[in-house]
PDB file of all heavy atoms in Angstrom:
ATOM      1  N   ALA A   1      -1.846-134.269 117.295  1.00  0.00           N
ATOM      2  CA  ALA A   1      -2.169-132.803 117.563  1.00  0.00           C
ATOM      3  C   ALA A   1      -1.047-132.218 118.379  1.00  0.00           C
ATOM      4  O   ALA A   1      -0.220-132.897 118.940  1.00  0.00           O
ATOM      5  CB  ALA A   1      -3.484-132.776 118.290  1.00  0.00           C
ATOM      6  N   GLY A   2      -1.097-130.904 118.437  1.00  0.00           N
ATOM      7  CA  GLY A   2      -0.295-130.175 119.410  1.00  0.00           C
ATOM      8  C   GLY A   2       1.193-130.312 119.109  1.00  0.00           C
ATOM      9  O   GLY A   2       1.685-130.284 117.992  1.00  0.00           O
ATOM     10  N   ILE A   3       1.942-130.461 120.255  1.00  0.00           N
ATOM     11  CA  ILE A   3       3.420-130.491 120.134  1.00  0.00           C
ATOM     12  C   ILE A   3       3.933-131.719 119.384  1.00  0.00           C
ATOM     13  O   ILE A   3       4.902-131.617 118.586  1.00  0.00           O
ATOM     14  CB  ILE A   3       4.062-130.459 121.551  1.00  0.00           C
ATOM     15  CG1 ILE A   3       3.744-129.089 122.192  1.00  0.00           C
ATOM     16  CG2 ILE A   3       5.535-130.697 121.478  1.00  0.00           C
ATOM     17  CD1 ILE A   3       4.177-129.008 123.630  1.00  0.00           C
ATOM     18  N   GLY A   4       3.223-132.811 119.566  1.00  0.00           N
ATOM     19  CA  GLY A   4       3.590-134.031 118.849  1.00  0.00           C
ATOM     20  C   GLY A   4       3.487-133.897 117.343  1.00  0.00           C
ATOM     21  O   GLY A   4       4.414-134.267 116.554  1.00  0.00           O
ATOM     22  N   LEU A   5       2.370-133.225 116.875  1.00  0.00           N
ATOM     23  CA  LEU A   5       2.208-132.999 115.477  1.00  0.00           C
ATOM     24  C   LEU A   5       3.267-131.983 114.954  1.00  0.00           C
ATOM     25  O   LEU A   5       3.817-132.182 113.834  1.00  0.00           O
ATOM     26  CB  LEU A   5       0.782-132.524 115.204  1.00  0.00           C
ATOM     27  CG  LEU A   5       0.456-132.141 113.726  1.00  0.00           C
ATOM     28  CD1 LEU A   5       0.696-133.347 112.815  1.00  0.00           C
ATOM     29  CD2 LEU A   5      -1.002-131.729 113.673  1.00  0.00           C
ATOM     30  N   ALA A   6       3.458-131.004 115.718  1.00  0.00           N
ATOM     31  CA  ALA A   6       4.457-130.018 115.257  1.00  0.00           C
ATOM     32  C   ALA A   6       5.814-130.609 115.211  1.00  0.00           C
ATOM     33  O   ALA A   6       6.615-130.272 114.304  1.00  0.00           O
ATOM     34  CB  ALA A   6       4.455-128.840 116.261  1.00  0.00           C
ATOM     35  N   THR A   7       6.178-131.451 116.115  1.00  0.00           N
ATOM     36  CA  THR A   7       7.436-132.163 116.103  1.00  0.00           C
ATOM     37  C   THR A   7       7.584-133.097 114.942  1.00  0.00           C
ATOM     38  O   THR A   7       8.569-133.128 114.248  1.00  0.00           O
ATOM     39  CB  THR A   7       7.607-133.005 117.396  1.00  0.00           C
ATOM     40  OG1 THR A   7       7.612-132.125 118.520  1.00  0.00           O
ATOM     41  CG2 THR A   7       8.987-133.669 117.408  1.00  0.00           C
ATOM     42  N   ALA A   8       6.535-133.822 114.577  1.00  0.00           N
ATOM     43  CA  ALA A   8       6.526-134.676 113.500  1.00  0.00           C
ATOM     44  C   ALA A   8       6.673-133.918 112.149  1.00  0.00           C
ATOM     45  O   ALA A   8       7.498-134.274 111.314  1.00  0.00           O
ATOM     46  CB  ALA A   8       5.210-135.506 113.423  1.00  0.00           C
ATOM     47  N   LYS A   9       6.019-132.793 112.039  1.00  0.00           N
ATOM     48  CA  LYS A   9       6.161-131.930 110.799  1.00  0.00           C
ATOM     49  C   LYS A   9       7.624-131.431 110.689  1.00  0.00           C
ATOM     50  O   LYS A   9       8.177-131.438 109.610  1.00  0.00           O
ATOM     51  CB  LYS A   9       5.235-130.757 110.893  1.00  0.00           C
ATOM     52  CG  LYS A   9       3.774-131.117 110.554  1.00  0.00           C
ATOM     53  CD  LYS A   9       2.929-129.879 110.629  1.00  0.00           C
ATOM     54  CE  LYS A   9       1.458-130.200 110.271  1.00  0.00           C
ATOM     55  NZ  LYS A   9       0.609-128.945 110.343  1.00  0.00           N
ATOM     56  N   ALA A  10       8.179-130.899 111.799  1.00  0.00           N
ATOM     57  CA  ALA A  10       9.556-130.373 111.739  1.00  0.00           C
ATOM     58  C   ALA A  10      10.520-131.431 111.398  1.00  0.00           C
ATOM     59  O   ALA A  10      11.427-131.166 110.558  1.00  0.00           O
ATOM     60  CB  ALA A  10       9.874-129.766 113.145  1.00  0.00           C
ATOM     61  N   LEU A  11      10.434-132.603 111.965  1.00  0.00           N
ATOM     62  CA  LEU A  11      11.355-133.647 111.703  1.00  0.00           C
ATOM     63  C   LEU A  11      11.209-134.168 110.255  1.00  0.00           C
ATOM     64  O   LEU A  11      12.229-134.362 109.570  1.00  0.00           O
ATOM     65  CB  LEU A  11      11.257-134.826 112.696  1.00  0.00           C
ATOM     66  CG  LEU A  11      11.630-134.561 114.129  1.00  0.00           C
ATOM     67  CD1 LEU A  11      11.258-135.733 115.042  1.00  0.00           C
ATOM     68  CD2 LEU A  11      13.115-134.289 114.222  1.00  0.00           C
ATOM     69  N   TYR A  12      10.024-134.360 109.801  1.00  0.00           N
ATOM     70  CA  TYR A  12       9.761-134.793 108.469  1.00  0.00           C
ATOM     71  C   TYR A  12      10.305-133.848 107.417  1.00  0.00           C
ATOM     72  O   TYR A  12      10.836-134.206 106.434  1.00  0.00           O
ATOM     73  CB  TYR A  12       8.249-135.025 108.232  1.00  0.00           C
ATOM     74  CG  TYR A  12       7.871-135.790 106.958  1.00  0.00           C
ATOM     75  CD1 TYR A  12       8.082-137.129 106.853  1.00  0.00           C
ATOM     76  CD2 TYR A  12       7.422-135.007 105.870  1.00  0.00           C
ATOM     77  CE1 TYR A  12       7.826-137.781 105.659  1.00  0.00           C
ATOM     78  CE2 TYR A  12       7.137-135.681 104.683  1.00  0.00           C
ATOM     79  CZ  TYR A  12       7.322-137.075 104.626  1.00  0.00           C
ATOM     80  OH  TYR A  12       7.010-137.687 103.409  1.00  0.00           O
ATOM     81  N   SER A  13      10.149-132.559 107.703  1.00  0.00           N
ATOM     82  CA  SER A  13      10.612-131.542 106.776  1.00  0.00           C
ATOM     83  C   SER A  13      12.176-131.540 106.668  1.00  0.00           C
ATOM     84  O   SER A  13      12.717-131.084 105.694  1.00  0.00           O
ATOM     85  CB  SER A  13      10.145-130.105 107.159  1.00  0.00           C
ATOM     86  OG  SER A  13      10.853-129.660 108.292  1.00  0.00           O
ATOM     87  N   GLU A  14      12.807-132.140 107.630  1.00  0.00           N
ATOM     88  CA  GLU A  14      14.237-132.263 107.663  1.00  0.00           C
ATOM     89  C   GLU A  14      14.677-133.507 107.104  1.00  0.00           C
ATOM     90  O   GLU A  14      15.903-133.940 107.136  1.00  0.00           O
ATOM     91  CB  GLU A  14      14.786-132.095 109.080  1.00  0.00           C
ATOM     92  CG  GLU A  14      14.624-130.700 109.650  1.00  0.00           C
ATOM     93  CD  GLU A  14      15.374-129.641 108.992  1.00  0.00           C
ATOM     94  OE1 GLU A  14      16.500-129.901 108.563  1.00  0.00           O
ATOM     95  OE2 GLU A  14      14.872-128.538 108.826  1.00  0.00           O
ATOM     96  N   GLY A  15      13.818-134.335 106.578  1.00  0.00           N
ATOM     97  CA  GLY A  15      14.203-135.586 105.927  1.00  0.00           C
ATOM     98  C   GLY A  15      14.132-136.817 106.856  1.00  0.00           C
ATOM     99  O   GLY A  15      14.586-137.880 106.429  1.00  0.00           O
ATOM    100  N   VAL A  16      13.646-136.707 108.012  1.00  0.00           N
ATOM    101  CA  VAL A  16      13.534-137.780 108.996  1.00  0.00           C
ATOM    102  C   VAL A  16      12.289-138.541 108.652  1.00  0.00           C
ATOM    103  O   VAL A  16      11.194-137.962 108.480  1.00  0.00           O
ATOM    104  CB  VAL A  16      13.514-137.284 110.443  1.00  0.00           C
ATOM    105  CG1 VAL A  16      13.367-138.365 111.410  1.00  0.00           C
ATOM    106  CG2 VAL A  16      14.807-136.465 110.759  1.00  0.00           C
ATOM    107  N   ASN A  17      12.388-139.890 108.628  1.00  0.00           N
ATOM    108  CA  ASN A  17      11.175-140.703 108.500  1.00  0.00           C
ATOM    109  C   ASN A  17      10.461-140.725 109.871  1.00  0.00           C
ATOM    110  O   ASN A  17      11.103-140.952 110.876  1.00  0.00           O
ATOM    111  CB  ASN A  17      11.536-142.148 108.097  1.00  0.00           C
ATOM    112  CG  ASN A  17      12.045-142.189 106.677  1.00  0.00           C
ATOM    113  OD1 ASN A  17      11.456-141.552 105.832  1.00  0.00           O
ATOM    114  ND2 ASN A  17      13.022-143.005 106.417  1.00  0.00           N
ATOM    115  N   VAL A  18       9.116-140.547 109.809  1.00  0.00           N
ATOM    116  CA  VAL A  18       8.451-140.307 111.055  1.00  0.00           C
ATOM    117  C   VAL A  18       7.292-141.398 111.144  1.00  0.00           C
ATOM    118  O   VAL A  18       6.592-141.642 110.156  1.00  0.00           O
ATOM    119  CB  VAL A  18       7.699-138.980 111.058  1.00  0.00           C
ATOM    120  CG1 VAL A  18       6.887-138.721 112.273  1.00  0.00           C
ATOM    121  CG2 VAL A  18       8.810-137.820 111.035  1.00  0.00           C
ATOM    122  N   ALA A  19       7.176-142.025 112.333  1.00  0.00           N
ATOM    123  CA  ALA A  19       6.128-142.848 112.691  1.00  0.00           C
ATOM    124  C   ALA A  19       5.413-142.221 113.835  1.00  0.00           C
ATOM    125  O   ALA A  19       6.007-141.765 114.785  1.00  0.00           O
ATOM    126  CB  ALA A  19       6.588-144.264 113.046  1.00  0.00           C
ATOM    127  N   MET A  20       4.034-142.071 113.751  1.00  0.00           N
ATOM    128  CA  MET A  20       3.301-141.407 114.730  1.00  0.00           C
ATOM    129  C   MET A  20       2.267-142.357 115.366  1.00  0.00           C
ATOM    130  O   MET A  20       1.803-143.200 114.762  1.00  0.00           O
ATOM    131  CB  MET A  20       2.457-140.178 114.139  1.00  0.00           C
ATOM    132  CG  MET A  20       3.371-139.167 113.553  1.00  0.00           C
ATOM    133  SD  MET A  20       2.411-137.726 112.952  1.00  0.00           S
ATOM    134  CE  MET A  20       1.386-138.427 111.786  1.00  0.00           C
ATOM    135  N   SER A  21       2.034-142.129 116.710  1.00  0.00           N
ATOM    136  CA  SER A  21       1.030-142.865 117.409  1.00  0.00           C
ATOM    137  C   SER A  21       0.231-141.861 118.236  1.00  0.00           C
ATOM    138  O   SER A  21       0.594-140.703 118.402  1.00  0.00           O
ATOM    139  CB  SER A  21       1.664-143.949 118.238  1.00  0.00           C
ATOM    140  OG  SER A  21       2.312-143.300 119.362  1.00  0.00           O
ATOM    141  N   THR A  22      -0.857-142.373 118.671  1.00  0.00           N
ATOM    142  CA  THR A  22      -1.727-141.618 119.638  1.00  0.00           C
ATOM    143  C   THR A  22      -2.082-142.477 120.787  1.00  0.00           C
ATOM    144  O   THR A  22      -1.876-143.667 120.728  1.00  0.00           O
ATOM    145  CB  THR A  22      -2.943-141.062 118.830  1.00  0.00           C
ATOM    146  OG1 THR A  22      -3.634-140.135 119.688  1.00  0.00           O
ATOM    147  CG2 THR A  22      -3.845-142.148 118.383  1.00  0.00           C
ATOM    148  N   THR A  23      -2.609-141.873 121.816  1.00  0.00           N
ATOM    149  CA  THR A  23      -2.970-142.572 123.009  1.00  0.00           C
ATOM    150  C   THR A  23      -4.465-142.587 123.234  1.00  0.00           C
ATOM    151  O   THR A  23      -5.150-141.864 122.619  1.00  0.00           O
ATOM    152  CB  THR A  23      -2.289-142.049 124.201  1.00  0.00           C
ATOM    153  OG1 THR A  23      -2.665-140.670 124.357  1.00  0.00           O
ATOM    154  CG2 THR A  23      -0.785-142.131 124.132  1.00  0.00           C
ATOM    155  N   GLY A  24      -4.954-143.430 124.103  1.00  0.00           N
ATOM    156  CA  GLY A  24      -6.294-143.374 124.478  1.00  0.00           C
ATOM    157  C   GLY A  24      -7.230-144.353 123.683  1.00  0.00           C
ATOM    158  O   GLY A  24      -7.813-144.000 122.731  1.00  0.00           O
ATOM    159  N   TYR A  25      -7.247-145.588 124.154  1.00  0.00           N
ATOM    160  CA  TYR A  25      -8.031-146.606 123.544  1.00  0.00           C
ATOM    161  C   TYR A  25      -9.506-146.212 123.393  1.00  0.00           C
ATOM    162  O   TYR A  25     -10.108-146.443 122.383  1.00  0.00           O
ATOM    163  CB  TYR A  25      -7.906-147.915 124.293  1.00  0.00           C
ATOM    164  CG  TYR A  25      -8.778-149.035 123.729  1.00  0.00           C
ATOM    165  CD1 TYR A  25      -8.290-149.674 122.585  1.00  0.00           C
ATOM    166  CD2 TYR A  25      -9.972-149.412 124.314  1.00  0.00           C
ATOM    167  CE1 TYR A  25      -9.095-150.730 122.024  1.00  0.00           C
ATOM    168  CE2 TYR A  25     -10.741-150.390 123.715  1.00  0.00           C
ATOM    169  CZ  TYR A  25     -10.299-151.052 122.622  1.00  0.00           C
ATOM    170  OH  TYR A  25     -10.989-152.088 122.055  1.00  0.00           O
ATOM    171  N   ALA A  26     -10.061-145.490 124.376  1.00  0.00           N
ATOM    172  CA  ALA A  26     -11.407-145.112 124.380  1.00  0.00           C
ATOM    173  C   ALA A  26     -11.722-144.114 123.233  1.00  0.00           C
ATOM    174  O   ALA A  26     -12.888-144.043 122.769  1.00  0.00           O
ATOM    175  CB  ALA A  26     -11.829-144.498 125.699  1.00  0.00           C
ATOM    176  N   TYR A  27     -10.728-143.417 122.718  1.00  0.00           N
ATOM    177  CA  TYR A  27     -10.901-142.486 121.645  1.00  0.00           C
ATOM    178  C   TYR A  27     -10.238-142.929 120.383  1.00  0.00           C
ATOM    179  O   TYR A  27      -9.877-142.083 119.547  1.00  0.00           O
ATOM    180  CB  TYR A  27     -10.319-141.089 122.131  1.00  0.00           C
ATOM    181  CG  TYR A  27     -10.861-140.634 123.403  1.00  0.00           C
ATOM    182  CD1 TYR A  27     -10.161-140.675 124.580  1.00  0.00           C
ATOM    183  CD2 TYR A  27     -12.185-140.117 123.462  1.00  0.00           C
ATOM    184  CE1 TYR A  27     -10.691-140.213 125.730  1.00  0.00           C
ATOM    185  CE2 TYR A  27     -12.701-139.705 124.630  1.00  0.00           C
ATOM    186  CZ  TYR A  27     -11.959-139.713 125.831  1.00  0.00           C
ATOM    187  OH  TYR A  27     -12.527-139.304 126.971  1.00  0.00           O
ATOM    188  N   ALA A  28     -10.061-144.185 120.191  1.00  0.00           N
ATOM    189  CA  ALA A  28      -9.335-144.747 119.075  1.00  0.00           C
ATOM    190  C   ALA A  28      -9.872-144.235 117.722  1.00  0.00           C
ATOM    191  O   ALA A  28      -9.135-143.831 116.896  1.00  0.00           O
ATOM    192  CB  ALA A  28      -9.331-146.287 119.151  1.00  0.00           C
ATOM    193  N   ALA A  29     -11.180-144.258 117.520  1.00  0.00           N
ATOM    194  CA  ALA A  29     -11.737-143.788 116.214  1.00  0.00           C
ATOM    195  C   ALA A  29     -11.467-142.353 115.951  1.00  0.00           C
ATOM    196  O   ALA A  29     -10.989-142.021 114.884  1.00  0.00           O
ATOM    197  CB  ALA A  29     -13.238-144.075 116.187  1.00  0.00           C
ATOM    198  N   ARG A  30     -11.677-141.532 116.955  1.00  0.00           N
ATOM    199  CA  ARG A  30     -11.366-140.052 116.771  1.00  0.00           C
ATOM    200  C   ARG A  30      -9.897-139.858 116.539  1.00  0.00           C
ATOM    201  O   ARG A  30      -9.578-139.106 115.605  1.00  0.00           O
ATOM    202  CB  ARG A  30     -11.872-139.293 118.005  1.00  0.00           C
ATOM    203  CG  ARG A  30     -11.619-137.774 117.834  1.00  0.00           C
ATOM    204  CD  ARG A  30     -11.773-137.049 119.148  1.00  0.00           C
ATOM    205  NE  ARG A  30     -10.577-137.406 119.929  1.00  0.00           N
ATOM    206  CZ  ARG A  30     -10.390-137.000 121.172  1.00  0.00           C
ATOM    207  NH1 ARG A  30     -11.330-136.264 121.738  1.00  0.00           N
ATOM    208  NH2 ARG A  30      -9.401-137.353 121.807  1.00  0.00           N
ATOM    209  N   ASN A  31      -9.077-140.537 117.303  1.00  0.00           N
ATOM    210  CA  ASN A  31      -7.584-140.341 117.146  1.00  0.00           C
ATOM    211  C   ASN A  31      -7.147-140.801 115.840  1.00  0.00           C
ATOM    212  O   ASN A  31      -6.203-140.290 115.256  1.00  0.00           O
ATOM    213  CB  ASN A  31      -6.864-141.010 118.337  1.00  0.00           C
ATOM    214  CG  ASN A  31      -7.079-140.269 119.660  1.00  0.00           C
ATOM    215  OD1 ASN A  31      -7.421-139.070 119.634  1.00  0.00           O
ATOM    216  ND2 ASN A  31      -6.889-140.927 120.757  1.00  0.00           N
ATOM    217  N   GLN A  32      -7.705-141.925 115.253  1.00  0.00           N
ATOM    218  CA  GLN A  32      -7.316-142.434 114.023  1.00  0.00           C
ATOM    219  C   GLN A  32      -7.620-141.424 112.934  1.00  0.00           C
ATOM    220  O   GLN A  32      -6.816-141.152 112.027  1.00  0.00           O
ATOM    221  CB  GLN A  32      -8.017-143.749 113.698  1.00  0.00           C
ATOM    222  CG  GLN A  32      -7.550-144.342 112.320  1.00  0.00           C
ATOM    223  CD  GLN A  32      -6.066-144.605 112.347  1.00  0.00           C
ATOM    224  OE1 GLN A  32      -5.595-145.388 113.192  1.00  0.00           O
ATOM    225  NE2 GLN A  32      -5.387-144.059 111.340  1.00  0.00           N
ATOM    226  N   GLU A  33      -8.789-140.804 113.035  1.00  0.00           N
ATOM    227  CA  GLU A  33      -9.069-139.727 112.112  1.00  0.00           C
ATOM    228  C   GLU A  33      -8.121-138.540 112.212  1.00  0.00           C
ATOM    229  O   GLU A  33      -7.633-137.968 111.178  1.00  0.00           O
ATOM    230  CB  GLU A  33     -10.528-139.186 112.351  1.00  0.00           C
ATOM    231  CG  GLU A  33     -11.613-140.194 111.978  1.00  0.00           C
ATOM    232  CD  GLU A  33     -13.020-139.750 112.471  1.00  0.00           C
ATOM    233  OE1 GLU A  33     -13.116-138.600 112.979  1.00  0.00           O
ATOM    234  OE2 GLU A  33     -13.896-140.496 112.243  1.00  0.00           O
ATOM    235  N   ARG A  34      -7.697-138.150 113.426  1.00  0.00           N
ATOM    236  CA  ARG A  34      -6.788-137.114 113.637  1.00  0.00           C
ATOM    237  C   ARG A  34      -5.399-137.485 113.087  1.00  0.00           C
ATOM    238  O   ARG A  34      -4.701-136.727 112.475  1.00  0.00           O
ATOM    239  CB  ARG A  34      -6.664-136.788 115.131  1.00  0.00           C
ATOM    240  CG  ARG A  34      -7.934-136.089 115.675  1.00  0.00           C
ATOM    241  CD  ARG A  34      -7.905-135.932 117.074  1.00  0.00           C
ATOM    242  NE  ARG A  34      -7.197-134.702 117.393  1.00  0.00           N
ATOM    243  CZ  ARG A  34      -6.963-134.202 118.588  1.00  0.00           C
ATOM    244  NH1 ARG A  34      -7.444-134.891 119.665  1.00  0.00           N
ATOM    245  NH2 ARG A  34      -6.386-133.056 118.801  1.00  0.00           N
ATOM    246  N   LEU A  35      -4.977-138.728 113.260  1.00  0.00           N
ATOM    247  CA  LEU A  35      -3.673-139.260 112.680  1.00  0.00           C
ATOM    248  C   LEU A  35      -3.700-139.217 111.201  1.00  0.00           C
ATOM    249  O   LEU A  35      -2.786-138.787 110.551  1.00  0.00           O
ATOM    250  CB  LEU A  35      -3.316-140.659 113.244  1.00  0.00           C
ATOM    251  CG  LEU A  35      -2.719-140.665 114.582  1.00  0.00           C
ATOM    252  CD1 LEU A  35      -2.542-142.147 115.016  1.00  0.00           C
ATOM    253  CD2 LEU A  35      -1.385-139.995 114.632  1.00  0.00           C
ATOM    254  N   ASP A  36      -4.867-139.658 110.586  1.00  0.00           N
ATOM    255  CA  ASP A  36      -4.938-139.655 109.151  1.00  0.00           C
ATOM    256  C   ASP A  36      -4.864-138.147 108.624  1.00  0.00           C
ATOM    257  O   ASP A  36      -4.189-137.925 107.624  1.00  0.00           O
ATOM    258  CB  ASP A  36      -6.270-140.157 108.719  1.00  0.00           C
ATOM    259  CG  ASP A  36      -6.374-141.721 108.884  1.00  0.00           C
ATOM    260  OD1 ASP A  36      -5.315-142.404 109.148  1.00  0.00           O
ATOM    261  OD2 ASP A  36      -7.536-142.242 108.918  1.00  0.00           O
ATOM    262  N   GLN A  37      -5.482-137.250 109.304  1.00  0.00           N
ATOM    263  CA  GLN A  37      -5.376-135.799 108.933  1.00  0.00           C
ATOM    264  C   GLN A  37      -3.993-135.295 109.079  1.00  0.00           C
ATOM    265  O   GLN A  37      -3.438-134.553 108.296  1.00  0.00           O
ATOM    266  CB  GLN A  37      -6.397-135.000 109.689  1.00  0.00           C
ATOM    267  CG  GLN A  37      -6.431-133.522 109.264  1.00  0.00           C
ATOM    268  CD  GLN A  37      -6.689-133.363 107.781  1.00  0.00           C
ATOM    269  OE1 GLN A  37      -7.737-133.872 107.341  1.00  0.00           O
ATOM    270  NE2 GLN A  37      -5.941-132.677 107.055  1.00  0.00           N
ATOM    271  N   ALA A  38      -3.298-135.718 110.145  1.00  0.00           N
ATOM    272  CA  ALA A  38      -1.967-135.309 110.430  1.00  0.00           C
ATOM    273  C   ALA A  38      -1.007-135.711 109.343  1.00  0.00           C
ATOM    274  O   ALA A  38      -0.159-135.013 108.874  1.00  0.00           O
ATOM    275  CB  ALA A  38      -1.441-135.794 111.781  1.00  0.00           C
ATOM    276  N   VAL A  39      -1.193-137.050 108.924  1.00  0.00           N
ATOM    277  CA  VAL A  39      -0.335-137.543 107.794  1.00  0.00           C
ATOM    278  C   VAL A  39      -0.572-136.712 106.550  1.00  0.00           C
ATOM    279  O   VAL A  39       0.317-136.333 105.808  1.00  0.00           O
ATOM    280  CB  VAL A  39      -0.626-139.093 107.607  1.00  0.00           C
ATOM    281  CG1 VAL A  39      -0.023-139.524 106.289  1.00  0.00           C
ATOM    282  CG2 VAL A  39      -0.120-139.834 108.723  1.00  0.00           C
ATOM    283  N   ALA A  40      -1.823-136.480 106.227  1.00  0.00           N
ATOM    284  CA  ALA A  40      -2.159-135.605 105.092  1.00  0.00           C
ATOM    285  C   ALA A  40      -1.603-134.269 105.132  1.00  0.00           C
ATOM    286  O   ALA A  40      -1.107-133.689 104.141  1.00  0.00           O
ATOM    287  CB  ALA A  40      -3.691-135.518 104.920  1.00  0.00           C
TER     288      ALA A  40
END
């Protein structure tokens, strides 16, 4: 989400291969859903 997602989109659009991660073990399930949506 936020700046991290915007950065990933911008770099990917320029041809850069992007690997994304998220933080917060307690929110792992929610964050995984957010990462899946970000990739989509």
